[in-house]
N, C-alpha and C. Protein backbone atom coordinates (compact mmCIF):
# COMPACT_ATOMS: atom_id res chain seq x y z
N MET A 1 19.50 -20.90 -42.92
CA MET A 1 19.33 -20.48 -41.45
C MET A 1 18.63 -19.63 -41.27
N PRO A 2 18.30 -20.04 -39.87
CA PRO A 2 16.90 -20.07 -39.25
C PRO A 2 16.66 -18.24 -38.99
N ALA A 3 15.37 -17.86 -38.88
CA ALA A 3 15.20 -16.44 -39.26
C ALA A 3 15.91 -15.71 -37.69
N ARG A 4 16.10 -14.77 -37.88
CA ARG A 4 16.38 -14.23 -36.30
C ARG A 4 15.13 -13.24 -35.80
N LEU A 5 14.69 -13.44 -34.43
CA LEU A 5 13.95 -12.75 -33.61
C LEU A 5 14.54 -11.45 -33.59
N PRO A 6 13.53 -10.22 -33.64
CA PRO A 6 14.11 -8.81 -33.27
C PRO A 6 14.36 -8.70 -31.99
N SER A 7 15.07 -7.78 -31.38
CA SER A 7 15.52 -7.37 -29.83
C SER A 7 13.94 -7.28 -29.12
N TRP A 8 12.89 -6.69 -29.99
CA TRP A 8 11.96 -6.22 -29.47
C TRP A 8 10.99 -7.39 -28.80
N ALA A 9 11.20 -8.36 -29.68
CA ALA A 9 10.32 -9.90 -29.47
C ALA A 9 10.81 -10.09 -28.36
N TRP A 10 12.39 -10.48 -28.08
CA TRP A 10 12.74 -11.16 -27.04
C TRP A 10 12.45 -9.93 -25.89
N VAL A 11 12.68 -8.64 -25.76
CA VAL A 11 12.37 -7.87 -24.73
C VAL A 11 10.84 -8.28 -24.18
N SER A 12 9.98 -8.11 -25.05
CA SER A 12 8.66 -8.51 -24.97
C SER A 12 8.55 -9.64 -24.17
N GLY A 13 8.97 -10.69 -24.48
CA GLY A 13 8.77 -11.90 -24.16
C GLY A 13 9.28 -12.07 -22.56
N LEU A 14 10.20 -11.33 -22.57
CA LEU A 14 11.30 -11.81 -21.53
C LEU A 14 9.92 -10.88 -20.08
N THR A 15 9.62 -9.83 -20.77
CA THR A 15 8.76 -9.24 -19.83
C THR A 15 7.45 -9.64 -19.24
N VAL A 16 6.92 -10.30 -20.57
CA VAL A 16 5.89 -10.54 -20.10
C VAL A 16 6.04 -12.37 -19.16
N GLY A 17 7.18 -12.92 -19.65
CA GLY A 17 7.78 -14.00 -18.68
C GLY A 17 7.52 -13.50 -16.90
N ALA A 18 8.54 -12.27 -16.83
CA ALA A 18 8.68 -11.90 -15.76
C ALA A 18 7.34 -11.17 -14.99
N ILE A 19 6.66 -10.82 -15.72
CA ILE A 19 5.03 -10.04 -14.82
C ILE A 19 4.69 -11.51 -14.49
N ALA A 20 4.23 -12.50 -15.19
CA ALA A 20 4.06 -13.78 -14.91
C ALA A 20 4.27 -14.30 -13.58
N ALA A 21 5.76 -14.49 -13.90
CA ALA A 21 6.28 -15.03 -12.81
C ALA A 21 6.13 -14.32 -11.34
N VAL A 22 6.43 -13.05 -10.96
CA VAL A 22 5.91 -12.00 -10.38
C VAL A 22 4.85 -12.23 -9.63
N SER A 23 3.58 -12.43 -10.48
CA SER A 23 2.22 -12.78 -10.25
C SER A 23 1.82 -13.96 -9.54
N VAL A 24 2.26 -15.01 -9.82
CA VAL A 24 2.46 -16.40 -9.23
C VAL A 24 3.12 -16.01 -8.02
N LEU A 25 4.37 -15.54 -7.89
CA LEU A 25 4.50 -15.61 -6.41
C LEU A 25 3.93 -14.40 -5.47
N ALA A 26 3.47 -13.21 -6.04
CA ALA A 26 2.37 -12.57 -5.23
C ALA A 26 0.96 -13.57 -4.42
N VAL A 27 0.64 -14.31 -5.60
CA VAL A 27 -0.36 -14.71 -5.44
C VAL A 27 -0.07 -15.86 -4.23
N GLN A 28 1.04 -16.72 -4.38
CA GLN A 28 1.37 -17.72 -3.33
C GLN A 28 2.21 -17.03 -2.16
N ALA A 29 2.32 -15.81 -2.11
CA ALA A 29 2.69 -14.96 -0.94
C ALA A 29 1.88 -15.17 -0.08
N ASP A 30 0.79 -13.88 -0.78
CA ASP A 30 -0.63 -13.86 -0.10
C ASP A 30 -1.47 -15.35 0.50
N ARG A 31 -0.89 -16.10 -0.11
CA ARG A 31 -1.78 -17.35 0.88
C ARG A 31 -1.05 -18.26 1.81
N GLY A 32 0.23 -17.83 2.26
CA GLY A 32 0.97 -18.13 2.80
C GLY A 32 0.93 -17.87 4.49
N PRO A 33 1.31 -18.84 5.46
CA PRO A 33 1.15 -18.32 6.47
C PRO A 33 2.04 -17.02 6.92
N ARG A 34 1.41 -16.32 7.62
CA ARG A 34 1.91 -15.09 8.38
C ARG A 34 2.21 -14.46 9.76
N PRO A 35 3.66 -13.96 10.01
CA PRO A 35 4.10 -14.21 11.51
C PRO A 35 3.17 -13.41 12.00
N ALA A 36 3.03 -13.40 13.69
CA ALA A 36 2.76 -12.64 14.41
C ALA A 36 3.63 -11.42 14.39
N ALA A 37 2.66 -10.18 14.59
CA ALA A 37 3.66 -8.86 15.10
C ALA A 37 3.93 -8.56 16.09
N ALA A 38 5.03 -8.54 16.20
CA ALA A 38 5.57 -8.64 17.65
C ALA A 38 5.52 -7.30 17.76
N PRO A 39 5.43 -6.79 19.44
CA PRO A 39 4.99 -5.16 19.68
C PRO A 39 6.13 -4.67 19.08
N VAL A 40 5.95 -3.08 18.72
CA VAL A 40 7.15 -2.08 18.65
C VAL A 40 7.20 -1.13 19.71
N ALA A 41 8.24 -1.09 19.73
CA ALA A 41 8.64 0.16 21.06
C ALA A 41 7.94 1.50 20.52
N ARG A 42 7.65 2.45 21.09
CA ARG A 42 7.24 4.06 20.55
C ARG A 42 8.19 4.77 21.15
N PRO A 43 8.73 5.58 20.54
CA PRO A 43 9.19 6.62 21.21
C PRO A 43 8.50 7.63 22.08
N GLY A 44 9.18 8.33 22.79
CA GLY A 44 8.35 9.13 24.12
C GLY A 44 8.36 10.42 23.36
N PRO A 45 7.43 11.30 24.06
CA PRO A 45 6.96 12.35 22.98
C PRO A 45 8.22 13.56 23.13
N THR A 46 9.07 13.39 23.82
CA THR A 46 9.97 14.08 23.58
C THR A 46 11.47 13.67 22.59
N VAL A 47 10.94 12.46 21.82
CA VAL A 47 11.95 12.44 20.68
C VAL A 47 11.19 12.24 19.92
N SER A 48 12.04 12.80 18.69
CA SER A 48 11.37 13.28 17.24
C SER A 48 11.66 12.37 16.24
N ALA A 49 11.55 10.60 16.43
CA ALA A 49 11.69 9.85 15.60
C ALA A 49 10.49 9.65 14.90
N HIS A 50 9.95 9.25 14.06
CA HIS A 50 8.95 9.00 13.65
C HIS A 50 8.11 7.51 13.83
N PRO A 51 7.82 7.61 14.93
CA PRO A 51 6.56 6.21 15.26
C PRO A 51 6.21 5.56 14.16
N SER A 52 6.78 3.94 14.48
CA SER A 52 6.14 2.97 13.55
C SER A 52 4.58 3.07 13.74
N PRO A 53 4.16 2.00 12.88
CA PRO A 53 2.69 2.05 12.64
C PRO A 53 2.48 1.69 13.94
N LYS A 54 0.84 1.40 14.10
CA LYS A 54 0.35 1.00 15.50
C LYS A 54 0.64 -0.71 15.18
N GLU A 55 0.88 -1.46 16.38
CA GLU A 55 0.89 -3.06 16.05
C GLU A 55 -0.41 -3.09 17.14
N SER A 56 -1.07 -4.30 16.48
CA SER A 56 -2.23 -5.25 17.63
C SER A 56 -2.63 -6.17 16.84
N PRO A 57 -2.89 -7.20 17.73
CA PRO A 57 -3.99 -8.33 16.53
C PRO A 57 -4.89 -7.99 15.68
N THR A 58 -5.07 -8.64 14.24
CA THR A 58 -5.91 -7.90 13.60
C THR A 58 -7.32 -7.81 14.01
N PRO A 59 -7.77 -6.26 14.09
CA PRO A 59 -8.90 -6.44 14.50
C PRO A 59 -10.07 -6.37 13.24
N ALA A 60 -11.30 -6.67 13.37
CA ALA A 60 -12.11 -7.05 12.22
C ALA A 60 -12.46 -5.68 11.65
N VAL A 61 -12.84 -5.73 10.26
CA VAL A 61 -12.85 -4.69 9.38
C VAL A 61 -13.83 -3.92 10.27
N PRO A 62 -13.85 -2.65 10.18
CA PRO A 62 -14.60 -1.45 11.01
C PRO A 62 -16.39 -1.26 10.31
N ASP A 63 -17.12 -1.66 11.12
CA ASP A 63 -18.25 -1.24 10.85
C ASP A 63 -18.56 0.23 9.96
N GLY A 64 -19.67 -0.32 9.53
CA GLY A 64 -20.10 0.61 8.56
C GLY A 64 -18.91 1.34 7.40
N SER A 65 -17.90 0.08 6.90
CA SER A 65 -16.83 0.16 6.12
C SER A 65 -17.41 -0.26 4.72
N GLY A 66 -18.58 -0.69 4.37
CA GLY A 66 -19.22 -1.17 3.37
C GLY A 66 -19.50 -2.12 3.14
N ALA A 67 -19.55 -3.02 1.54
CA ALA A 67 -19.81 -4.41 1.74
C ALA A 67 -19.16 -4.73 0.39
N GLY A 68 -18.84 -5.58 -0.04
CA GLY A 68 -18.27 -6.20 -1.15
C GLY A 68 -16.22 -6.49 -0.87
N ARG A 69 -15.99 -6.36 -2.35
CA ARG A 69 -14.52 -5.93 -2.63
C ARG A 69 -14.12 -5.04 -2.32
N ARG A 70 -13.10 -4.18 -1.37
CA ARG A 70 -12.79 -3.15 -1.14
C ARG A 70 -11.32 -2.94 -0.37
N VAL A 71 -10.68 -2.17 -0.49
CA VAL A 71 -9.86 -1.85 0.30
C VAL A 71 -10.39 -0.75 1.70
N VAL A 72 -10.30 -1.33 3.21
CA VAL A 72 -10.37 -0.37 4.08
C VAL A 72 -9.74 0.46 5.12
N TYR A 73 -9.28 1.52 4.73
CA TYR A 73 -8.41 2.46 5.45
C TYR A 73 -9.15 3.09 6.72
N SER A 74 -8.50 2.78 7.93
CA SER A 74 -8.82 3.31 9.17
C SER A 74 -8.19 4.48 9.72
N LEU A 75 -8.44 5.81 9.43
CA LEU A 75 -7.29 6.59 9.75
C LEU A 75 -6.90 6.94 11.69
N GLY A 76 -7.91 6.47 12.73
CA GLY A 76 -7.69 6.10 13.64
C GLY A 76 -6.77 5.07 14.33
N ASP A 77 -6.87 3.56 13.10
CA ASP A 77 -5.88 2.81 13.64
C ASP A 77 -4.55 2.94 13.14
N ASP A 78 -4.19 3.54 11.80
CA ASP A 78 -3.72 3.37 10.90
C ASP A 78 -3.33 2.09 10.38
N ARG A 79 -4.50 1.75 9.93
CA ARG A 79 -4.50 -0.01 9.14
C ARG A 79 -5.17 0.22 8.10
N VAL A 80 -5.20 -0.79 7.51
CA VAL A 80 -5.87 -1.05 5.85
C VAL A 80 -6.40 -2.46 6.18
N TRP A 81 -7.08 -2.81 5.35
CA TRP A 81 -7.94 -4.24 4.98
C TRP A 81 -8.10 -4.21 3.74
N LEU A 82 -8.05 -5.57 3.39
CA LEU A 82 -8.20 -6.13 1.82
C LEU A 82 -9.25 -6.90 2.05
N VAL A 83 -10.47 -6.84 1.53
CA VAL A 83 -11.62 -7.47 1.72
C VAL A 83 -11.78 -7.46 0.39
N ASP A 84 -12.56 -9.14 0.40
CA ASP A 84 -12.94 -9.94 -0.52
C ASP A 84 -14.17 -9.72 -1.25
N ALA A 85 -14.91 -10.15 -2.23
CA ALA A 85 -16.24 -10.03 -2.60
C ALA A 85 -17.32 -10.56 -1.50
N SER A 86 -16.62 -11.39 -1.06
CA SER A 86 -17.52 -12.44 0.12
C SER A 86 -17.71 -11.46 1.40
N ASP A 87 -17.00 -10.28 1.62
CA ASP A 87 -16.53 -9.51 2.81
C ASP A 87 -15.56 -10.39 3.87
N ALA A 88 -14.97 -11.14 3.41
CA ALA A 88 -13.72 -11.76 4.00
C ALA A 88 -12.74 -11.20 4.00
N THR A 89 -12.00 -10.71 5.13
CA THR A 89 -10.54 -10.23 5.27
C THR A 89 -9.42 -10.97 4.60
N ARG A 90 -8.67 -10.80 3.31
CA ARG A 90 -7.54 -11.16 2.58
C ARG A 90 -6.25 -10.95 3.14
N ARG A 91 -6.24 -9.63 4.04
CA ARG A 91 -5.15 -9.21 4.80
C ARG A 91 -5.40 -7.99 5.12
N SER A 92 -4.61 -7.86 5.95
CA SER A 92 -4.66 -6.25 7.30
C SER A 92 -3.48 -6.05 7.56
N PHE A 93 -3.17 -5.09 7.29
CA PHE A 93 -1.61 -4.47 8.06
C PHE A 93 -1.87 -3.03 8.53
N THR A 94 -0.99 -2.70 9.32
CA THR A 94 -0.51 -1.34 9.31
C THR A 94 0.14 -0.70 8.94
N VAL A 95 0.17 0.75 8.88
CA VAL A 95 0.55 1.61 7.63
C VAL A 95 1.20 3.02 8.50
N TRP A 96 1.94 3.63 8.06
CA TRP A 96 2.87 5.12 8.79
C TRP A 96 1.55 6.00 7.56
N PRO A 97 0.89 6.99 8.46
CA PRO A 97 -0.10 7.86 7.41
C PRO A 97 0.90 9.26 7.18
N GLY A 98 0.58 9.86 6.04
CA GLY A 98 1.10 11.20 5.55
C GLY A 98 0.92 12.34 6.65
N THR A 99 0.96 13.30 5.96
CA THR A 99 0.59 14.43 7.17
C THR A 99 -1.09 15.17 6.75
N VAL A 100 -1.26 14.71 5.44
CA VAL A 100 -2.59 15.08 4.87
C VAL A 100 -3.44 13.64 4.95
N ASP A 101 -4.47 13.54 5.71
CA ASP A 101 -5.55 12.63 5.46
C ASP A 101 -6.56 12.60 4.59
N PRO A 102 -6.99 11.91 4.39
CA PRO A 102 -7.97 11.86 3.54
C PRO A 102 -9.67 12.02 4.24
N ASP A 103 -10.68 12.56 3.84
CA ASP A 103 -11.62 12.76 4.55
C ASP A 103 -12.46 11.20 4.59
N PRO A 104 -13.25 10.80 5.97
CA PRO A 104 -13.97 9.40 5.95
C PRO A 104 -14.64 9.64 4.57
N GLY A 105 -14.90 8.10 3.70
CA GLY A 105 -15.48 8.16 2.80
C GLY A 105 -15.15 7.37 1.85
N SER A 106 -16.29 7.27 0.44
CA SER A 106 -15.60 6.05 -0.37
C SER A 106 -14.97 7.12 -1.52
N TYR A 107 -13.99 6.01 -1.66
CA TYR A 107 -13.31 6.33 -2.91
C TYR A 107 -13.11 5.14 -4.32
N LEU A 108 -12.24 5.63 -5.15
CA LEU A 108 -12.14 4.64 -6.24
C LEU A 108 -10.43 4.95 -6.49
N VAL A 109 -9.57 3.95 -6.74
CA VAL A 109 -8.32 3.90 -6.83
C VAL A 109 -8.56 4.47 -8.25
N GLY A 110 -7.79 5.66 -8.80
CA GLY A 110 -7.90 6.27 -9.89
C GLY A 110 -7.08 6.02 -10.84
N SER A 111 -5.95 5.81 -10.50
CA SER A 111 -4.52 5.29 -11.10
C SER A 111 -3.53 4.79 -10.01
N ARG A 112 -2.54 4.13 -10.74
CA ARG A 112 -1.21 3.51 -10.51
C ARG A 112 0.34 3.58 -11.08
N ARG A 113 0.98 3.92 -9.98
CA ARG A 113 2.44 3.71 -10.50
C ARG A 113 3.48 2.98 -10.49
N ASP A 114 3.99 2.33 -11.16
CA ASP A 114 5.10 1.32 -10.78
C ASP A 114 5.86 1.86 -9.97
N ALA A 115 7.00 2.84 -9.94
CA ALA A 115 8.07 3.43 -8.92
C ALA A 115 7.57 5.06 -9.29
N THR A 116 8.48 5.75 -8.13
CA THR A 116 8.84 7.24 -8.32
C THR A 116 9.74 7.18 -6.94
N THR A 117 10.44 8.63 -6.92
CA THR A 117 10.53 9.22 -5.55
C THR A 117 9.89 10.10 -4.90
N GLY A 118 9.65 9.47 -3.61
CA GLY A 118 8.41 10.39 -3.30
C GLY A 118 8.83 11.54 -2.29
N SER A 119 8.21 12.30 -1.89
CA SER A 119 8.18 13.22 -1.79
C SER A 119 9.12 13.87 -0.20
N ASP A 120 9.54 12.76 0.47
CA ASP A 120 11.00 12.63 1.05
C ASP A 120 12.05 12.46 0.76
N GLY A 121 11.66 12.09 -0.66
CA GLY A 121 13.35 11.69 -1.37
C GLY A 121 13.46 10.25 -1.59
N VAL A 122 12.70 9.61 -0.83
CA VAL A 122 13.24 7.93 -1.06
C VAL A 122 12.33 6.92 -2.07
N PRO A 123 13.12 6.33 -2.59
CA PRO A 123 12.52 5.45 -3.59
C PRO A 123 11.37 4.62 -3.23
N ILE A 124 9.93 5.10 -4.01
CA ILE A 124 8.74 4.09 -3.45
C ILE A 124 8.53 3.41 -4.81
N GLU A 125 7.70 2.42 -4.45
CA GLU A 125 7.16 1.64 -5.33
C GLU A 125 5.49 1.54 -4.97
N HIS A 126 4.98 0.72 -6.03
CA HIS A 126 3.39 0.24 -5.80
C HIS A 126 2.71 1.20 -5.37
N ILE A 127 2.42 2.51 -6.06
CA ILE A 127 1.97 3.49 -5.79
C ILE A 127 0.55 3.56 -6.11
N VAL A 128 -0.61 3.63 -5.16
CA VAL A 128 -2.11 3.51 -5.31
C VAL A 128 -2.86 4.77 -4.94
N TYR A 129 -2.79 5.47 -5.88
CA TYR A 129 -3.34 6.91 -5.59
C TYR A 129 -5.27 6.77 -5.95
N PHE A 130 -5.87 6.98 -4.40
CA PHE A 130 -7.07 7.42 -4.66
C PHE A 130 -7.79 8.50 -4.20
N ALA A 131 -7.34 9.57 -3.48
CA ALA A 131 -8.04 10.33 -3.09
C ALA A 131 -6.83 11.89 -3.24
N LEU A 132 -7.70 12.91 -3.46
CA LEU A 132 -6.61 14.48 -3.43
C LEU A 132 -7.64 15.35 -2.67
N LYS A 133 -6.73 15.84 -1.63
CA LYS A 133 -7.30 16.29 -0.30
C LYS A 133 -6.16 18.16 -0.20
N ASP A 134 -6.77 19.12 -0.56
CA ASP A 134 -6.04 20.35 -0.18
C ASP A 134 -4.89 20.46 -1.23
N GLY A 135 -4.98 19.77 -2.36
CA GLY A 135 -4.19 20.15 -3.81
C GLY A 135 -2.94 19.05 -3.68
N VAL A 136 -3.31 17.95 -2.52
CA VAL A 136 -2.30 16.54 -2.27
C VAL A 136 -2.74 15.56 -2.53
N ASN A 137 -1.72 14.76 -3.77
CA ASN A 137 -2.28 13.28 -3.77
C ASN A 137 -2.17 12.77 -2.66
N VAL A 138 -3.45 11.52 -2.16
CA VAL A 138 -2.91 10.73 -1.20
C VAL A 138 -3.05 9.17 -1.97
N ALA A 139 -1.85 8.49 -1.52
CA ALA A 139 -1.69 7.33 -1.99
C ALA A 139 -1.29 6.40 -1.30
N PHE A 140 -1.32 4.97 -1.33
CA PHE A 140 -0.45 4.06 -0.55
C PHE A 140 0.51 3.80 -1.52
N SER A 141 2.05 3.61 -0.85
CA SER A 141 2.80 3.20 -1.16
C SER A 141 3.84 2.20 -0.36
N ASN A 142 5.27 1.77 -1.21
CA ASN A 142 6.30 1.12 0.14
C ASN A 142 7.42 1.64 -0.52
N ALA A 143 8.76 1.99 0.61
CA ALA A 143 9.68 2.34 0.35
C ALA A 143 9.94 1.13 -0.60
N VAL A 144 11.49 1.41 -1.88
CA VAL A 144 11.92 0.21 -2.57
C VAL A 144 12.79 -0.85 -1.66
N ASP A 145 13.45 -0.14 -0.78
CA ASP A 145 14.16 -0.64 0.40
C ASP A 145 13.39 -1.57 1.40
N GLY A 146 12.21 -1.12 1.81
CA GLY A 146 11.66 -1.56 2.96
C GLY A 146 11.49 -0.76 4.18
N SER A 147 12.34 0.15 3.84
CA SER A 147 12.05 1.17 5.08
C SER A 147 11.29 1.87 5.28
N SER A 148 11.07 2.49 6.88
CA SER A 148 9.78 3.39 6.99
C SER A 148 10.08 4.72 6.78
N PRO A 149 9.29 5.69 6.81
CA PRO A 149 9.19 7.07 6.40
C PRO A 149 10.22 8.10 7.20
N PRO A 150 10.84 8.85 6.66
CA PRO A 150 11.51 9.76 7.87
C PRO A 150 10.72 10.65 8.33
N PRO A 151 10.62 11.28 9.70
CA PRO A 151 9.76 12.09 9.66
C PRO A 151 9.90 13.43 8.80
N PRO A 152 8.56 13.81 8.52
CA PRO A 152 8.43 14.68 6.90
C PRO A 152 9.14 16.46 7.91
N PRO A 153 9.44 17.22 7.19
CA PRO A 153 9.98 18.40 7.67
C PRO A 153 8.84 19.50 8.68
N SER A 154 8.99 20.23 9.19
CA SER A 154 7.69 20.78 9.62
C SER A 154 6.98 21.38 8.87
N GLY A 155 5.90 21.16 8.62
CA GLY A 155 4.82 21.84 7.74
C GLY A 155 4.75 21.42 6.36
N THR A 156 5.42 20.41 6.11
CA THR A 156 5.63 19.71 5.02
C THR A 156 3.91 18.96 4.96
N LYS A 157 3.43 19.36 3.42
CA LYS A 157 2.32 18.34 3.61
C LYS A 157 2.54 16.98 2.66
N THR A 158 2.50 15.94 2.95
CA THR A 158 2.67 14.79 2.39
C THR A 158 1.15 13.69 2.45
N GLY A 159 0.64 13.31 1.29
CA GLY A 159 -0.41 12.21 1.16
C GLY A 159 0.08 10.99 0.90
N GLY A 160 1.19 10.76 1.07
CA GLY A 160 1.92 9.31 1.08
C GLY A 160 1.39 8.30 2.44
N ILE A 161 0.95 7.36 2.19
CA ILE A 161 0.43 6.57 3.01
C ILE A 161 1.51 5.24 3.03
N ARG A 162 2.42 5.09 3.50
CA ARG A 162 3.69 4.24 3.86
C ARG A 162 3.40 2.87 3.94
N VAL A 163 3.54 2.05 3.60
CA VAL A 163 3.38 0.52 3.92
C VAL A 163 4.43 -0.56 3.80
N HIS A 164 4.40 -1.53 4.70
CA HIS A 164 5.80 -2.28 4.74
C HIS A 164 5.63 -3.14 3.29
N LYS A 165 7.17 -3.08 2.78
CA LYS A 165 7.49 -4.20 1.47
C LYS A 165 6.21 -5.08 1.06
N ALA A 166 5.99 -6.00 1.81
CA ALA A 166 5.12 -7.30 1.70
C ALA A 166 3.91 -6.80 1.52
N ASP A 167 3.52 -5.78 2.44
CA ASP A 167 2.09 -5.09 2.14
C ASP A 167 1.62 -4.56 0.64
N GLY A 168 2.81 -3.84 0.62
CA GLY A 168 2.84 -2.90 -0.64
C GLY A 168 2.53 -3.83 -1.89
N THR A 169 3.48 -5.12 -1.97
CA THR A 169 3.25 -6.15 -2.82
C THR A 169 1.66 -6.60 -3.16
N ALA A 170 0.95 -6.87 -1.65
CA ALA A 170 -0.40 -7.53 -1.96
C ALA A 170 -0.97 -6.25 -2.06
N LEU A 171 -1.06 -5.33 -2.02
CA LEU A 171 -2.07 -3.93 -1.98
C LEU A 171 -1.59 -3.78 -3.35
N TRP A 172 -0.98 -4.46 -4.02
CA TRP A 172 -0.71 -3.31 -5.68
C TRP A 172 -1.33 -4.52 -6.07
N ALA A 173 -1.45 -5.91 -6.01
CA ALA A 173 -1.97 -7.11 -6.21
C ALA A 173 -3.66 -6.77 -6.62
N PHE A 174 -4.14 -6.79 -5.48
CA PHE A 174 -5.21 -6.12 -4.99
C PHE A 174 -6.28 -4.92 -5.70
N ALA A 175 -5.04 -3.96 -5.38
CA ALA A 175 -5.98 -2.64 -5.18
C ALA A 175 -5.69 -2.51 -7.42
N THR A 176 -6.74 -2.58 -7.98
CA THR A 176 -6.35 -2.31 -9.36
C THR A 176 -7.03 -1.33 -9.41
N LYS A 177 -7.10 -0.29 -11.07
CA LYS A 177 -8.08 0.81 -10.91
C LYS A 177 -9.08 0.60 -11.08
N GLY A 178 -9.96 1.50 -10.43
CA GLY A 178 -10.96 1.07 -10.29
C GLY A 178 -11.66 0.66 -8.72
N THR A 179 -11.01 0.31 -7.69
CA THR A 179 -11.39 -0.67 -6.87
C THR A 179 -11.74 0.12 -5.99
N GLU A 180 -12.63 0.12 -4.87
CA GLU A 180 -13.31 0.98 -4.04
C GLU A 180 -12.13 0.92 -3.15
N VAL A 181 -11.89 2.08 -2.50
CA VAL A 181 -11.13 2.44 -0.98
C VAL A 181 -12.18 2.99 0.15
N THR A 182 -12.59 2.73 0.92
CA THR A 182 -12.97 2.99 2.20
C THR A 182 -12.58 3.44 3.33
N VAL A 183 -12.30 4.87 3.67
CA VAL A 183 -12.12 5.59 4.61
C VAL A 183 -12.79 5.71 5.80
N VAL A 184 -12.57 5.10 6.76
CA VAL A 184 -13.10 5.67 8.07
C VAL A 184 -12.16 6.27 9.19
N GLY A 185 -13.06 6.70 9.78
CA GLY A 185 -12.13 7.52 10.81
C GLY A 185 -11.51 6.59 11.87
């Protein structure tokens, strides 16, 4: 009779296989064609809906954002660039900022978390922490269901920078612990 593998061996093998498959798919998705973003209607000043991120053709990486492999976050454009070691943009996308902005400067990804519930009560994933301001952790993340964040209650301090689901997957694969994050005005 053949030896029976313990359950932990099966679970470990399946987990490693799933991680490898997701990694391969993320790399393939990052290399695929990207549809042009359609302009998004913005609510007027009297509407209380949380506006969607600013949409525009992908601009160049901001001057003064450093050199080499890094994540660049523009506060003024609500946009992120993933820049490789040769200073080529691998991906750029718009974001929904939280109510607490990090100061312009250079940071390092300090920690990451697979998933949790955001301060807005929405399940989030791919959380990449890189700054702390006024006692609030600042991190990139995406909603598990791909939704945009609801408007925060008045006076609420949130440091979550919400990204679209596909961008969150790409950011998670790119911004490993210790990756530089440059914040520009």
